C-alpha atoms as a PDB file:
ATOM      1  CA  UNK A   1     148.103  74.120 154.266  1.00  0.00           C
ATOM      2  CA  UNK A   2     150.089  77.833 152.943  1.00  0.00           C
ATOM      3  CA  UNK A   3     153.291  77.883 155.167  1.00  0.00           C
ATOM      4  CA  UNK A   4     155.217  80.894 155.144  1.00  0.00           C
ATOM      5  CA  UNK A   5     158.942  80.295 153.415  1.00  0.00           C
ATOM      6  CA  UNK A   6     160.697  82.071 156.463  1.00  0.00           C
ATOM      7  CA  UNK A   7     158.958  79.010 159.254  1.00  0.00           C
ATOM      8  CA  UNK A   8     158.937  75.905 157.810  1.00  0.00           C
ATOM      9  CA  UNK A   9     157.202  73.105 159.679  1.00  0.00           C
ATOM     10  CA  UNK A  10     159.097  70.142 159.357  1.00  0.00           C
ATOM     11  CA  UNK A  11     158.352  66.431 161.232  1.00  0.00           C
ATOM     12  CA  UNK A  12     161.024  65.145 163.147  1.00  0.00           C
ATOM     13  CA  UNK A  13     161.864  61.328 162.696  1.00  0.00           C
ATOM     14  CA  UNK A  14     161.259  58.752 165.403  1.00  0.00           C
ATOM     15  CA  UNK A  15     163.806  58.163 167.800  1.00  0.00           C
ATOM     16  CA  UNK A  16     164.440  55.901 170.764  1.00  0.00           C
ATOM     17  CA  UNK A  17     164.404  57.413 174.006  1.00  0.00           C
ATOM     18  CA  UNK A  18     167.276  55.765 175.004  1.00  0.00           C
ATOM     19  CA  UNK A  19     169.585  57.457 172.240  1.00  0.00           C
ATOM     20  CA  UNK A  20     171.949  59.207 173.817  1.00  0.00           C
ATOM     21  CA  UNK A  21     171.922  62.922 171.763  1.00  0.00           C
ATOM     22  CA  UNK A  22     174.574  64.705 170.550  1.00  0.00           C
ATOM     23  CA  UNK A  23     173.750  67.942 171.980  1.00  0.00           C
ATOM     24  CA  UNK A  24     172.844  70.617 169.218  1.00  0.00           C
ATOM     25  CA  UNK A  25     175.384  73.046 169.406  1.00  0.00           C
ATOM     26  CA  UNK A  26     177.962  70.721 168.665  1.00  0.00           C
ATOM     27  CA  UNK A  27     176.294  69.139 165.352  1.00  0.00           C
ATOM     28  CA  UNK A  28     178.140  72.608 163.234  1.00  0.00           C
ATOM     29  CA  UNK A  29     181.861  73.734 164.332  1.00  0.00           C
ATOM     30  CA  UNK A  30     183.988  75.854 162.808  1.00  0.00           C
ATOM     31  CA  UNK A  31     187.164  77.397 162.434  1.00  0.00           C
ATOM     32  CA  UNK A  32     189.024  80.636 163.301  1.00  0.00           C
ATOM     33  CA  UNK A  33     189.198  81.448 159.381  1.00  0.00           C
ATOM     34  CA  UNK A  34     185.320  80.853 158.876  1.00  0.00           C
ATOM     35  CA  UNK A  35     184.624  82.962 162.764  1.00  0.00           C
ATOM     36  CA  UNK A  36     186.953  85.257 161.090  1.00  0.00           C
ATOM     37  CA  UNK A  37     185.145  85.419 157.756  1.00  0.00           C
ATOM     38  CA  UNK A  38     181.340  85.549 159.496  1.00  0.00           C
ATOM     39  CA  UNK A  39     181.976  88.185 161.022  1.00  0.00           C
ATOM     40  CA  UNK A  40     184.017  90.282 158.741  1.00  0.00           C
ATOM     41  CA  UNK A  41     180.642  89.561 156.480  1.00  0.00           C
ATOM     42  CA  UNK A  42     177.834  90.420 159.317  1.00  0.00           C
ATOM     43  CA  UNK A  43     180.038  93.764 159.592  1.00  0.00           C
ATOM     44  CA  UNK A  44     178.653  94.474 156.332  1.00  0.00           C
ATOM     45  CA  UNK A  45     176.139  93.094 155.709  1.00  0.00           C
ATOM     46  CA  UNK A  46     174.370  92.412 159.350  1.00  0.00           C
ATOM     47  CA  UNK A  47     172.805  88.914 160.638  1.00  0.00           C
ATOM     48  CA  UNK A  48     173.918  86.330 158.601  1.00  0.00           C
ATOM     49  CA  UNK A  49     172.291  82.892 157.721  1.00  0.00           C
ATOM     50  CA  UNK A  50     173.917  79.427 155.785  1.00  0.00           C
ATOM     51  CA  UNK A  51     172.170  77.456 153.832  1.00  0.00           C
ATOM     52  CA  UNK A  52     173.333  73.583 152.028  1.00  0.00           C
ATOM     53  CA  UNK A  53     171.705  71.416 150.105  1.00  0.00           C
ATOM     54  CA  UNK A  54     172.657  68.447 148.396  1.00  0.00           C
ATOM     55  CA  UNK A  55     171.788  65.629 145.804  1.00  0.00           C
ATOM     56  CA  UNK A  56     170.651  63.293 148.951  1.00  0.00           C
ATOM     57  CA  UNK A  57     171.666  59.852 151.038  1.00  0.00           C
ATOM     58  CA  UNK A  58     175.175  59.188 150.638  1.00  0.00           C
ATOM     59  CA  UNK A  59     175.646  62.493 148.549  1.00  0.00           C
ATOM     60  CA  UNK A  60     179.305  64.426 149.275  1.00  0.00           C
ATOM     61  CA  UNK A  61     177.805  68.017 150.538  1.00  0.00           C
ATOM     62  CA  UNK A  62     177.935  70.756 148.417  1.00  0.00           C
ATOM     63  CA  UNK A  63     179.545  74.626 149.575  1.00  0.00           C
ATOM     64  CA  UNK A  64     177.951  75.817 152.041  1.00  0.00           C
ATOM     65  CA  UNK A  65     175.886  79.716 150.685  1.00  0.00           C
ATOM     66  CA  UNK A  66     176.239  83.018 153.387  1.00  0.00           C
ATOM     67  CA  UNK A  67     173.203  84.516 153.037  1.00  0.00           C
ATOM     68  CA  UNK A  68     172.126  87.879 154.565  1.00  0.00           C
ATOM     69  CA  UNK A  69     169.401  86.426 157.186  1.00  0.00           C
ATOM     70  CA  UNK A  70     165.901  86.105 155.527  1.00  0.00           C
ATOM     71  CA  UNK A  71     167.265  86.659 151.836  1.00  0.00           C
ATOM     72  CA  UNK A  72     166.937  82.269 150.999  1.00  0.00           C
ATOM     73  CA  UNK A  73     163.642  81.486 151.235  1.00  0.00           C
ATOM     74  CA  UNK A  74     163.674  78.192 153.592  1.00  0.00           C
ATOM     75  CA  UNK A  75     161.130  75.362 152.432  1.00  0.00           C
ATOM     76  CA  UNK A  76     159.167  72.971 154.391  1.00  0.00           C
ATOM     77  CA  UNK A  77     161.608  70.260 154.551  1.00  0.00           C
ATOM     78  CA  UNK A  78     164.911  72.362 155.368  1.00  0.00           C
ATOM     79  CA  UNK A  79     166.323  71.466 159.076  1.00  0.00           C
ATOM     80  CA  UNK A  80     168.735  73.368 160.903  1.00  0.00           C
ATOM     81  CA  UNK A  81     171.624  71.629 161.692  1.00  0.00           C
ATOM     82  CA  UNK A  82     173.066  74.485 164.187  1.00  0.00           C
ATOM     83  CA  UNK A  83     174.187  77.865 164.550  1.00  0.00           C
ATOM     84  CA  UNK A  84     177.688  79.468 164.221  1.00  0.00           C
ATOM     85  CA  UNK A  85     177.853  82.817 167.209  1.00  0.00           C
ATOM     86  CA  UNK A  86     174.015  83.326 166.542  1.00  0.00           C
ATOM     87  CA  UNK A  87     174.806  82.550 162.615  1.00  0.00           C
ATOM     88  CA  UNK A  88     172.165  79.236 161.360  1.00  0.00           C
ATOM     89  CA  UNK A  89     172.895  76.733 159.737  1.00  0.00           C
ATOM     90  CA  UNK A  90     170.294  74.920 157.733  1.00  0.00           C
ATOM     91  CA  UNK A  91     170.730  72.090 155.283  1.00  0.00           C
ATOM     92  CA  UNK A  92     168.082  70.493 153.170  1.00  0.00           C
ATOM     93  CA  UNK A  93     166.165  67.802 154.204  1.00  0.00           C
ATOM     94  CA  UNK A  94     168.622  65.410 151.675  1.00  0.00           C
ATOM     95  CA  UNK A  95     171.742  66.368 153.256  1.00  0.00           C
ATOM     96  CA  UNK A  96     169.992  66.245 156.530  1.00  0.00           C
ATOM     97  CA  UNK A  97     169.276  62.389 155.641  1.00  0.00           C
ATOM     98  CA  UNK A  98     172.929  61.663 154.475  1.00  0.00           C
ATOM     99  CA  UNK A  99     174.573  64.084 157.741  1.00  0.00           C
ATOM    100  CA  UNK A 100     172.629  63.270 160.534  1.00  0.00           C
ATOM    101  CA  UNK A 101     174.959  60.645 162.376  1.00  0.00           C
ATOM    102  CA  UNK A 102     177.986  63.653 161.517  1.00  0.00           C
ATOM    103  CA  UNK A 103     179.316  66.822 162.541  1.00  0.00           C
ATOM    104  CA  UNK A 104     179.904  69.268 160.202  1.00  0.00           C
ATOM    105  CA  UNK A 105     183.008  71.094 160.354  1.00  0.00           C
ATOM    106  CA  UNK A 106     183.004  74.835 158.464  1.00  0.00           C
ATOM    107  CA  UNK A 107     185.896  76.396 156.506  1.00  0.00           C
ATOM    108  CA  UNK A 108     187.178  79.351 155.243  1.00  0.00           C
ATOM    109  CA  UNK A 109     189.878  79.685 152.423  1.00  0.00           C
ATOM    110  CA  UNK A 110     190.659  80.891 149.565  1.00  0.00           C
ATOM    111  CA  UNK A 111     189.172  80.013 146.262  1.00  0.00           C
ATOM    112  CA  UNK A 112     185.928  80.697 144.730  1.00  0.00           C
ATOM    113  CA  UNK A 113     182.613  81.075 146.041  1.00  0.00           C
ATOM    114  CA  UNK A 114     178.732  79.868 144.931  1.00  0.00           C
ATOM    115  CA  UNK A 115     177.758  82.567 142.589  1.00  0.00           C
ATOM    116  CA  UNK A 116     175.029  83.298 145.267  1.00  0.00           C
ATOM    117  CA  UNK A 117     176.787  83.074 148.943  1.00  0.00           C
ATOM    118  CA  UNK A 118     178.750  86.723 150.422  1.00  0.00           C
ATOM    119  CA  UNK A 119     181.310  85.995 150.374  1.00  0.00           C
ATOM    120  CA  UNK A 120     182.230  85.540 146.840  1.00  0.00           C
ATOM    121  CA  UNK A 121     183.446  89.426 147.030  1.00  0.00           C
ATOM    122  CA  UNK A 122     186.084  88.259 149.275  1.00  0.00           C
ATOM    123  CA  UNK A 123     188.397  86.172 147.550  1.00  0.00           C
ATOM    124  CA  UNK A 124     187.593  83.258 149.873  1.00  0.00           C
ATOM    125  CA  UNK A 125     185.155  80.749 150.253  1.00  0.00           C
ATOM    126  CA  UNK A 126     183.435  78.181 152.624  1.00  0.00           C
ATOM    127  CA  UNK A 127     183.272  74.388 152.633  1.00  0.00           C
ATOM    128  CA  UNK A 128     182.500  72.241 155.056  1.00  0.00           C
ATOM    129  CA  UNK A 129     184.342  68.549 156.100  1.00  0.00           C
ATOM    130  CA  UNK A 130     182.094  65.961 157.692  1.00  0.00           C
ATOM    131  CA  UNK A 131     183.083  63.482 160.215  1.00  0.00           C
ATOM    132  CA  UNK A 132     180.932  60.941 160.928  1.00  0.00           C
ATOM    133  CA  UNK A 133     179.580  60.438 164.901  1.00  0.00           C
ATOM    134  CA  UNK A 134     178.961  56.670 167.018  1.00  0.00           C
ATOM    135  CA  UNK A 135     175.950  58.330 168.630  1.00  0.00           C
ATOM    136  CA  UNK A 136     172.541  59.570 166.590  1.00  0.00           C
ATOM    137  CA  UNK A 137     172.171  63.422 166.542  1.00  0.00           C
ATOM    138  CA  UNK A 138     169.090  65.821 167.784  1.00  0.00           C
ATOM    139  CA  UNK A 139     167.138  67.477 164.792  1.00  0.00           C
ATOM    140  CA  UNK A 140     166.087  70.863 165.107  1.00  0.00           C
ATOM    141  CA  UNK A 141     163.674  72.591 162.224  1.00  0.00           C
ATOM    142  CA  UNK A 142     164.118  76.257 161.458  1.00  0.00           C
ATOM    143  CA  UNK A 143     160.120  76.541 163.186  1.00  0.00           C
ATOM    144  CA  UNK A 144     161.584  74.807 166.405  1.00  0.00           C
ATOM    145  CA  UNK A 145     163.965  77.443 166.072  1.00  0.00           C
ATOM    146  CA  UNK A 146     161.202  79.878 166.683  1.00  0.00           C
ATOM    147  CA  UNK A 147     160.820  78.786 169.868  1.00  0.00           C
ATOM    148  CA  UNK A 148     164.253  78.325 171.701  1.00  0.00           C
ATOM    149  CA  UNK A 149     165.475  81.346 172.938  1.00  0.00           C
ATOM    150  CA  UNK A 150     168.468  83.942 171.560  1.00  0.00           C
ATOM    151  CA  UNK A 151     170.452  81.739 170.161  1.00  0.00           C
ATOM    152  CA  UNK A 152     173.048  84.376 170.228  1.00  0.00           C
ATOM    153  CA  UNK A 153     176.179  83.796 172.760  1.00  0.00           C
END
């Protein structure tokens, strides 16, 4: 099966129909500093995307990396966690498994960013903090996001 990197297909986890799901838009939140840095990078580079990987279940999140949209090759198991003002935020499957019952908060602070992340030249870096949730969350993939109407808003 040949799957294009820009449109991965991921199987959805089974979930109880009685489960109350956290809305897709509330799974990743951003501070004012993060939104300001995203706006700055968007003005300079155009549409952006984030990707955050991790070692797997129980792993602490790594720093999210910011790319020009389409410059990072998504793989079949990457999961679209949500978006921040139209900027998609993907996590690796292992990271999703560790975070599937959590909410992420994206922040931007002074510091050294990842080598390939766009904000590196600004002296700022993106980081995430995790807040556990008491209810399960819905899962979206890169493939299902293509079917979703315009995510900007």
